[in-house]
Amino acid sequence: MVDCEMMVKDIYDVPQGVRNGHSPDSEDQVMQRAQALVKRQLAEVERTLRHLPDLHPLALRGAVEQIVASGGKRIRPVIALLIAGMFDRLDDPRAVNLASAVEMLHTATLVHDDLIDGSLIRRGTATLNAVWTPAATVLTGDYLFAMAANLAARANNVRVMSIFADTLGVIVAGELQQQFADFGLRATREDYYRRIYSKTASMFVLAATASGELCGADEAQRMALDSYGRNLGMAFQVVDDVLDFTGEQDNVGKPVGSDLRRGLITLPTICYIESYGTDSLECALRGECDPQTYDRIVAQIRASSAIPRAIREAEAMVQAAKDALSAFVDSPYRAALAELADYALERTH
């Protein structure tokens, strides 16, 4: 990872997809090419995710079906399947089970995240948290965790199950640590990197390393897959955090600067502090600003060099992810994995 002081660039040099529009090769095209390589297996993942046992009451079944159906672009299972493709193991049904387990685990974490964050809308749809009691929401998330574990167990591989369990532990421990960290710690680079690894990158590492384990990767290949997943996942979250400041509300699905407004200090704010100090941010670091002050602070960060500097860090992570793929023979699957790394920078939402 590069330090935020490195290679400060003008705001107009920020990659277009992160800044305010679409890349020349749109993010949809990148995802479509990757999905096309694993089209049959991805369809099986969808069927697996939607094959729910009898659930009662019916409201629970309807809620779970809605949650699973609103899963976005399925980038994590696509990564797991592309890695299986690199090893010529796409026809192994365990690859589909693993990809399904990764996506179900991701879905379960979103249910709990929405409750913890008090989120009422996700991808333009009311969250479970918005319509159910906290207890019912927690239990639904727990149910999805159980389904994810069941799918992972179908891989019939002890090491895969160990990676899965370790990842779940990292996610939960990271969330607990965030709940108890004071605002001073939250404004540090060390805490930020730990948080985004726990929250986001660990799931990418799971998709990459568990798939490699299932396909018989050797030690050097496992380390390469860990590096790919880790750097891609970290870049993915950094870009999310930049979009929180620069994206259009209709695209990102939440108010601009919403993380800072709820006391979450992310890389753009840390970069801003490193350049300009904390004098104008004291109330934000304590989570105590009034709405107008938050508006002013968000505008300051948006207009500063902090945004392109954060993007430079994401670019370095993406390059590290692509470099890790050199451990594998060139193939359409490897090329798609490299494109997905670039996709992390090009997203507009």
Protein backbone atom coordinates (compact mmCIF):
# COMPACT_ATOMS: atom_id res chain seq x y z
CA MET A 1 0.00 0.00 0.00
CA VAL A 2 1.26 3.49 -0.74
CA ASP A 3 1.32 6.33 1.74
CA CYS A 4 -1.27 9.01 1.21
CA GLU A 5 1.49 11.59 0.72
CA MET A 6 2.68 9.87 -2.48
CA MET A 7 1.97 11.14 -5.96
CA VAL A 8 -0.64 13.80 -5.28
CA LYS A 9 -2.48 14.47 -8.53
CA ASP A 10 -4.90 17.07 -9.68
CA ILE A 11 -8.57 16.25 -9.19
CA TYR A 12 -9.06 15.99 -12.94
CA ASP A 13 -6.60 13.09 -13.07
CA VAL A 14 -8.81 10.92 -10.87
CA PRO A 15 -10.07 7.90 -12.89
CA GLN A 16 -13.30 8.90 -14.56
CA GLY A 17 -15.46 6.13 -13.17
CA VAL A 18 -14.66 7.16 -9.61
CA ARG A 19 -14.83 10.86 -10.34
CA ASN A 20 -18.12 11.55 -12.00
CA GLY A 21 -18.95 9.41 -15.00
CA HIS A 22 -18.28 6.25 -16.95
CA SER A 23 -15.01 4.74 -18.03
CA PRO A 24 -14.40 4.25 -21.77
CA ASP A 25 -14.97 0.52 -21.26
CA SER A 26 -17.98 0.64 -18.97
CA GLU A 27 -18.18 -1.24 -15.71
CA ASP A 28 -21.19 -3.17 -17.04
CA GLN A 29 -19.14 -4.48 -19.97
CA VAL A 30 -16.36 -5.65 -17.65
CA MET A 31 -18.81 -7.54 -15.45
CA GLN A 32 -20.64 -8.99 -18.43
CA ARG A 33 -17.43 -10.38 -19.91
CA ALA A 34 -16.47 -11.96 -16.59
CA GLN A 35 -19.96 -13.38 -16.05
CA ALA A 36 -20.05 -14.79 -19.60
CA LEU A 37 -17.01 -16.98 -18.88
CA VAL A 38 -18.84 -18.67 -16.00
CA LYS A 39 -22.41 -18.21 -17.26
CA ARG A 40 -23.64 -21.75 -16.64
CA GLN A 41 -22.08 -22.02 -13.20
CA LEU A 42 -23.30 -18.56 -12.18
CA ALA A 43 -26.84 -19.60 -13.14
CA GLU A 44 -26.41 -22.61 -10.88
CA VAL A 45 -25.28 -20.29 -8.08
CA GLU A 46 -28.50 -18.30 -8.50
CA ARG A 47 -30.58 -21.46 -8.34
CA THR A 48 -28.70 -22.62 -5.26
CA LEU A 49 -29.18 -19.29 -3.49
CA ARG A 50 -32.91 -19.32 -4.20
CA HIS A 51 -33.45 -22.96 -3.27
CA LEU A 52 -34.69 -22.27 0.24
CA PRO A 53 -36.06 -24.90 2.59
CA ASP A 54 -39.59 -24.49 3.92
CA LEU A 55 -39.59 -21.40 6.07
CA HIS A 56 -42.31 -20.27 8.44
CA PRO A 57 -43.88 -17.84 8.83
CA LEU A 58 -44.36 -17.06 5.16
CA ALA A 59 -43.24 -13.49 5.84
CA LEU A 60 -39.80 -14.85 6.70
CA ARG A 61 -39.57 -16.77 3.45
CA GLY A 62 -40.63 -13.72 1.47
CA ALA A 63 -38.08 -11.55 3.25
CA VAL A 64 -35.23 -14.01 2.66
CA GLU A 65 -36.20 -14.40 -1.00
CA GLN A 66 -36.16 -10.63 -1.43
CA ILE A 67 -32.77 -10.29 0.27
CA VAL A 68 -31.19 -13.02 -1.84
CA ALA A 69 -32.73 -11.68 -5.06
CA SER A 70 -31.34 -8.16 -4.51
CA GLY A 71 -27.74 -9.31 -4.51
CA GLY A 72 -26.18 -6.97 -7.05
CA LYS A 73 -23.52 -8.06 -9.54
CA ARG A 74 -22.33 -11.17 -7.63
CA ILE A 75 -18.68 -10.15 -7.94
CA ARG A 76 -17.52 -12.45 -5.12
CA PRO A 77 -18.95 -15.69 -6.56
CA VAL A 78 -17.73 -14.62 -10.01
CA ILE A 79 -14.19 -14.35 -8.61
CA ALA A 80 -14.45 -17.79 -7.01
CA LEU A 81 -15.69 -19.30 -10.27
CA LEU A 82 -13.08 -17.57 -12.44
CA ILE A 83 -10.37 -19.00 -10.19
CA ALA A 84 -11.90 -22.45 -10.62
CA GLY A 85 -11.73 -21.78 -14.35
CA MET A 86 -8.01 -20.98 -14.12
CA PHE A 87 -7.49 -24.43 -12.61
CA ASP A 88 -9.79 -26.11 -15.16
CA ARG A 89 -12.19 -27.09 -12.37
CA LEU A 90 -15.36 -25.27 -13.40
CA ASP A 91 -17.22 -28.54 -13.87
CA ASP A 92 -16.63 -29.52 -10.24
CA PRO A 93 -20.03 -28.99 -8.52
CA ARG A 94 -18.18 -28.03 -5.35
CA ALA A 95 -17.06 -24.84 -7.09
CA VAL A 96 -20.70 -23.77 -7.38
CA ASN A 97 -21.38 -24.67 -3.75
CA LEU A 98 -18.40 -22.62 -2.62
CA ALA A 99 -19.33 -19.63 -4.78
CA SER A 100 -22.88 -19.83 -3.38
CA ALA A 101 -21.57 -20.00 0.19
CA VAL A 102 -19.44 -16.88 -0.32
CA GLU A 103 -22.40 -14.91 -1.68
CA MET A 104 -24.74 -16.14 1.05
CA LEU A 105 -22.21 -15.11 3.70
CA HIS A 106 -21.94 -11.68 2.09
CA THR A 107 -25.74 -11.39 2.07
CA ALA A 108 -25.95 -12.32 5.76
CA THR A 109 -23.41 -9.64 6.69
CA LEU A 110 -25.48 -7.01 4.85
CA VAL A 111 -28.54 -7.84 6.96
CA HIS A 112 -26.57 -7.33 10.17
CA ASP A 113 -24.77 -4.27 8.78
CA ASP A 114 -28.08 -2.57 7.99
CA LEU A 115 -29.27 -3.16 11.54
CA ILE A 116 -26.03 -1.96 13.15
CA ASP A 117 -25.87 1.12 10.94
CA GLY A 118 -29.59 1.88 11.20
CA SER A 119 -29.87 1.75 7.40
CA LEU A 120 -33.42 1.88 6.07
CA ILE A 121 -32.67 1.67 2.34
CA ARG A 122 -30.29 -0.56 0.35
CA ARG A 123 -30.14 -0.46 -3.47
CA GLY A 124 -33.33 1.58 -3.48
CA THR A 125 -35.31 -0.98 -1.47
CA ALA A 126 -36.38 -0.91 2.15
CA THR A 127 -34.07 -3.01 4.33
CA LEU A 128 -35.31 -5.72 6.64
CA ASN A 129 -34.31 -3.41 9.45
CA ALA A 130 -36.81 -0.85 8.19
CA VAL A 131 -39.83 -3.16 8.45
CA TRP A 132 -39.02 -5.75 11.12
CA THR A 133 -38.00 -5.67 14.75
CA PRO A 134 -34.28 -5.75 15.61
CA ALA A 135 -34.68 -9.25 17.04
CA ALA A 136 -36.30 -10.60 13.88
CA THR A 137 -33.66 -8.90 11.72
CA VAL A 138 -30.77 -10.39 13.74
CA LEU A 139 -32.31 -13.86 13.61
CA THR A 140 -32.83 -13.62 9.85
CA GLY A 141 -29.18 -12.71 9.43
CA ASP A 142 -28.25 -15.64 11.66
CA TYR A 143 -30.34 -17.93 9.48
CA LEU A 144 -28.49 -16.76 6.38
CA PHE A 145 -25.16 -17.39 8.14
CA ALA A 146 -26.32 -20.95 8.82
CA MET A 147 -27.28 -21.41 5.17
CA ALA A 148 -23.88 -20.11 4.09
CA ALA A 149 -22.10 -22.56 6.41
CA ASN A 150 -24.19 -25.42 5.07
CA LEU A 151 -23.23 -24.54 1.49
CA ALA A 152 -19.55 -24.27 2.43
CA ALA A 153 -19.71 -27.70 4.09
CA ARG A 154 -20.80 -29.20 0.78
CA ALA A 155 -17.28 -28.56 -0.50
CA ASN A 156 -16.33 -31.51 1.72
CA ASN A 157 -12.96 -29.91 2.41
CA VAL A 158 -11.77 -29.25 5.96
CA ARG A 159 -9.37 -26.51 4.91
CA VAL A 160 -12.12 -24.69 3.01
CA MET A 161 -14.36 -24.84 6.08
CA SER A 162 -11.50 -23.51 8.21
CA ILE A 163 -11.01 -20.54 5.85
CA PHE A 164 -14.76 -19.93 5.93
CA ALA A 165 -14.91 -20.00 9.75
CA ASP A 166 -11.83 -17.77 10.06
CA THR A 167 -13.40 -15.23 7.73
CA LEU A 168 -16.61 -15.13 9.73
CA GLY A 169 -14.55 -14.57 12.88
CA VAL A 170 -12.62 -11.71 11.25
CA ILE A 171 -15.85 -10.02 10.12
CA VAL A 172 -17.51 -10.22 13.55
CA ALA A 173 -14.37 -9.26 15.50
CA GLY A 174 -13.85 -6.28 13.21
CA GLU A 175 -17.39 -5.07 13.75
CA LEU A 176 -17.07 -5.45 17.52
CA GLN A 177 -13.80 -3.55 17.53
CA GLN A 178 -15.40 -0.75 15.54
CA GLN A 179 -18.24 -0.51 18.04
CA PHE A 180 -15.85 0.06 20.93
CA ALA A 181 -13.14 2.16 19.25
CA ASP A 182 -12.99 5.83 20.27
CA PHE A 183 -13.06 8.56 17.64
CA GLY A 184 -9.33 9.23 18.01
CA LEU A 185 -8.50 5.67 16.99
CA ARG A 186 -11.01 5.72 14.12
CA ALA A 187 -9.08 8.60 12.53
CA THR A 188 -5.88 6.54 12.21
CA ARG A 189 -4.65 4.79 9.10
CA GLU A 190 -4.00 1.58 11.05
CA ASP A 191 -7.58 1.39 12.28
CA TYR A 192 -8.95 2.22 8.84
CA TYR A 193 -7.03 -0.55 7.09
CA ARG A 194 -8.03 -3.03 9.77
CA ARG A 195 -11.66 -2.02 9.44
CA ILE A 196 -11.85 -2.32 5.67
CA TYR A 197 -10.02 -5.65 5.70
CA SER A 198 -12.55 -7.01 8.19
CA LYS A 199 -15.56 -5.49 6.51
CA THR A 200 -14.79 -6.02 2.83
CA ALA A 201 -11.42 -7.46 1.85
CA SER A 202 -11.73 -10.57 4.01
CA MET A 203 -14.67 -11.72 1.87
CA PHE A 204 -12.64 -11.29 -1.32
CA VAL A 205 -9.79 -13.25 0.27
CA LEU A 206 -12.28 -15.98 1.17
CA ALA A 207 -13.57 -16.18 -2.42
CA ALA A 208 -10.05 -16.34 -3.82
CA THR A 209 -8.20 -18.56 -1.34
CA ALA A 210 -11.00 -21.05 -0.65
CA SER A 211 -11.50 -21.53 -4.37
CA GLY A 212 -7.77 -22.06 -4.82
CA GLU A 213 -7.72 -24.55 -1.95
CA LEU A 214 -10.61 -26.46 -3.47
CA CYS A 215 -8.79 -26.59 -6.82
CA GLY A 216 -5.49 -27.85 -5.42
CA ALA A 217 -3.43 -24.64 -5.52
CA ASP A 218 0.14 -24.98 -4.30
CA GLU A 219 1.60 -22.75 -1.58
CA ALA A 220 2.89 -20.07 -3.97
CA GLN A 221 -0.47 -19.96 -5.74
CA ARG A 222 -2.36 -19.74 -2.45
CA MET A 223 -0.22 -16.76 -1.42
CA ALA A 224 -0.85 -15.13 -4.79
CA LEU A 225 -4.60 -15.63 -4.44
CA ASP A 226 -4.50 -14.16 -0.93
CA SER A 227 -2.69 -11.09 -2.30
CA TYR A 228 -5.15 -10.77 -5.17
CA GLY A 229 -8.21 -10.98 -2.94
CA ARG A 230 -6.76 -8.75 -0.23
CA ASN A 231 -5.65 -5.94 -2.53
CA LEU A 232 -8.77 -6.09 -4.69
CA GLY A 233 -11.03 -6.04 -1.64
CA MET A 234 -9.17 -3.14 -0.04
CA ALA A 235 -9.29 -1.14 -3.28
CA PHE A 236 -12.99 -1.93 -3.63
CA GLN A 237 -13.71 -0.42 -0.21
CA VAL A 238 -11.45 2.61 -0.72
CA VAL A 239 -13.39 3.41 -3.90
CA ASP A 240 -16.66 2.96 -2.01
CA ASP A 241 -15.41 5.45 0.56
CA VAL A 242 -14.41 7.93 -2.15
CA LEU A 243 -17.80 7.55 -3.83
CA ASP A 244 -19.40 8.37 -0.49
CA PHE A 245 -17.98 11.87 -0.99
CA THR A 246 -18.03 12.23 -4.77
CA GLY A 247 -20.88 10.07 -6.02
CA GLU A 248 -24.36 11.19 -6.89
CA GLN A 249 -26.90 10.27 -4.23
CA ASP A 250 -29.10 8.46 -6.77
CA ASN A 251 -26.16 6.23 -7.74
CA VAL A 252 -24.67 5.43 -4.35
CA GLY A 253 -28.07 5.16 -2.66
CA LYS A 254 -27.28 7.32 0.36
CA PRO A 255 -26.63 11.00 1.17
CA VAL A 256 -23.24 12.37 0.13
CA GLY A 257 -20.80 12.12 3.05
CA SER A 258 -23.09 9.77 4.95
CA ASP A 259 -20.19 7.82 6.51
CA LEU A 260 -18.70 10.94 8.10
CA ARG A 261 -22.15 12.10 9.22
CA ARG A 262 -22.54 8.90 11.25
CA GLY A 263 -19.07 9.08 12.74
CA LEU A 264 -17.22 6.75 10.37
CA ILE A 265 -13.80 8.10 9.43
CA THR A 266 -12.64 6.83 6.03
CA LEU A 267 -9.54 7.32 3.89
CA PRO A 268 -10.55 10.61 2.20
CA THR A 269 -11.03 12.19 5.63
CA ILE A 270 -7.73 10.72 6.89
CA CYS A 271 -5.93 12.13 3.82
CA TYR A 272 -7.56 15.50 4.47
CA ILE A 273 -6.39 15.46 8.10
CA GLU A 274 -2.84 14.61 7.01
CA SER A 275 -2.76 17.71 4.78
CA TYR A 276 -4.81 20.23 6.70
CA GLY A 277 -4.98 19.07 10.30
CA THR A 278 -8.03 18.53 12.46
CA ASP A 279 -8.93 22.11 13.41
CA SER A 280 -11.98 22.26 11.13
CA LEU A 281 -13.01 18.68 11.85
CA GLU A 282 -13.06 18.46 15.62
CA CYS A 283 -16.81 18.03 15.96
CA ALA A 284 -16.84 15.43 13.15
CA LEU A 285 -14.12 13.38 14.87
CA ARG A 286 -16.34 13.37 17.96
CA GLY A 287 -19.48 12.67 15.90
CA GLU A 288 -21.13 15.84 17.20
CA CYS A 289 -21.52 18.27 14.28
CA ASP A 290 -24.78 19.90 13.33
CA PRO A 291 -26.08 19.18 9.79
CA GLN A 292 -24.84 22.47 8.35
CA THR A 293 -21.32 21.91 9.68
CA TYR A 294 -21.28 18.42 8.20
CA ASP A 295 -22.31 19.91 4.85
CA ARG A 296 -19.39 22.35 5.03
CA ILE A 297 -16.86 19.68 6.00
CA VAL A 298 -18.01 17.30 3.25
CA ALA A 299 -17.70 20.13 0.71
CA GLN A 300 -14.17 20.90 1.95
CA ILE A 301 -13.06 17.31 1.57
CA ARG A 302 -14.69 16.98 -1.86
CA ALA A 303 -12.82 20.07 -3.10
CA SER A 304 -9.45 19.10 -1.61
CA SER A 305 -6.54 16.96 -2.79
CA ALA A 306 -7.68 14.23 -0.37
CA ILE A 307 -9.91 12.59 -2.99
CA PRO A 308 -7.28 12.05 -5.72
CA ARG A 309 -4.76 11.01 -3.09
CA ALA A 310 -7.10 8.32 -1.79
CA ILE A 311 -7.64 7.14 -5.36
CA ARG A 312 -3.88 6.84 -5.85
CA GLU A 313 -3.85 4.39 -2.95
CA ALA A 314 -6.62 2.36 -4.56
CA GLU A 315 -4.70 2.36 -7.84
CA ALA A 316 -1.63 0.93 -6.09
CA MET A 317 -3.76 -1.80 -4.52
CA VAL A 318 -5.31 -2.68 -7.88
CA GLN A 319 -1.86 -2.94 -9.45
CA ALA A 320 -0.74 -5.24 -6.63
CA ALA A 321 -3.81 -7.43 -7.22
CA LYS A 322 -3.02 -7.66 -10.94
CA ASP A 323 0.65 -8.37 -10.24
CA ALA A 324 -0.34 -11.32 -8.06
CA LEU A 325 -2.00 -12.98 -11.05
CA SER A 326 1.41 -13.45 -12.70
CA ALA A 327 1.66 -16.66 -10.64
CA PHE A 328 -0.85 -18.22 -13.04
CA VAL A 329 -0.73 -19.23 -16.69
CA ASP A 330 -2.32 -16.71 -19.03
CA SER A 331 -5.93 -17.57 -19.84
CA PRO A 332 -9.28 -15.85 -20.42
CA TYR A 333 -10.07 -16.46 -16.74
CA ARG A 334 -6.89 -14.75 -15.55
CA ALA A 335 -7.55 -11.85 -17.92
CA ALA A 336 -11.08 -11.48 -16.52
CA LEU A 337 -9.73 -11.43 -12.95
CA ALA A 338 -7.33 -8.64 -13.96
CA GLU A 339 -10.21 -6.71 -15.55
CA LEU A 340 -12.22 -7.07 -12.35
CA ALA A 341 -9.37 -5.41 -10.49
CA ASP A 342 -9.60 -2.43 -12.86
CA TYR A 343 -13.38 -2.54 -12.43
CA ALA A 344 -12.86 -1.75 -8.74
CA LEU A 345 -11.59 1.68 -9.80
CA GLU A 346 -14.14 2.28 -12.54
CA ARG A 347 -17.30 1.78 -10.51
CA THR A 348 -19.73 4.65 -10.21
CA HIS A 349 -21.79 2.94 -7.49
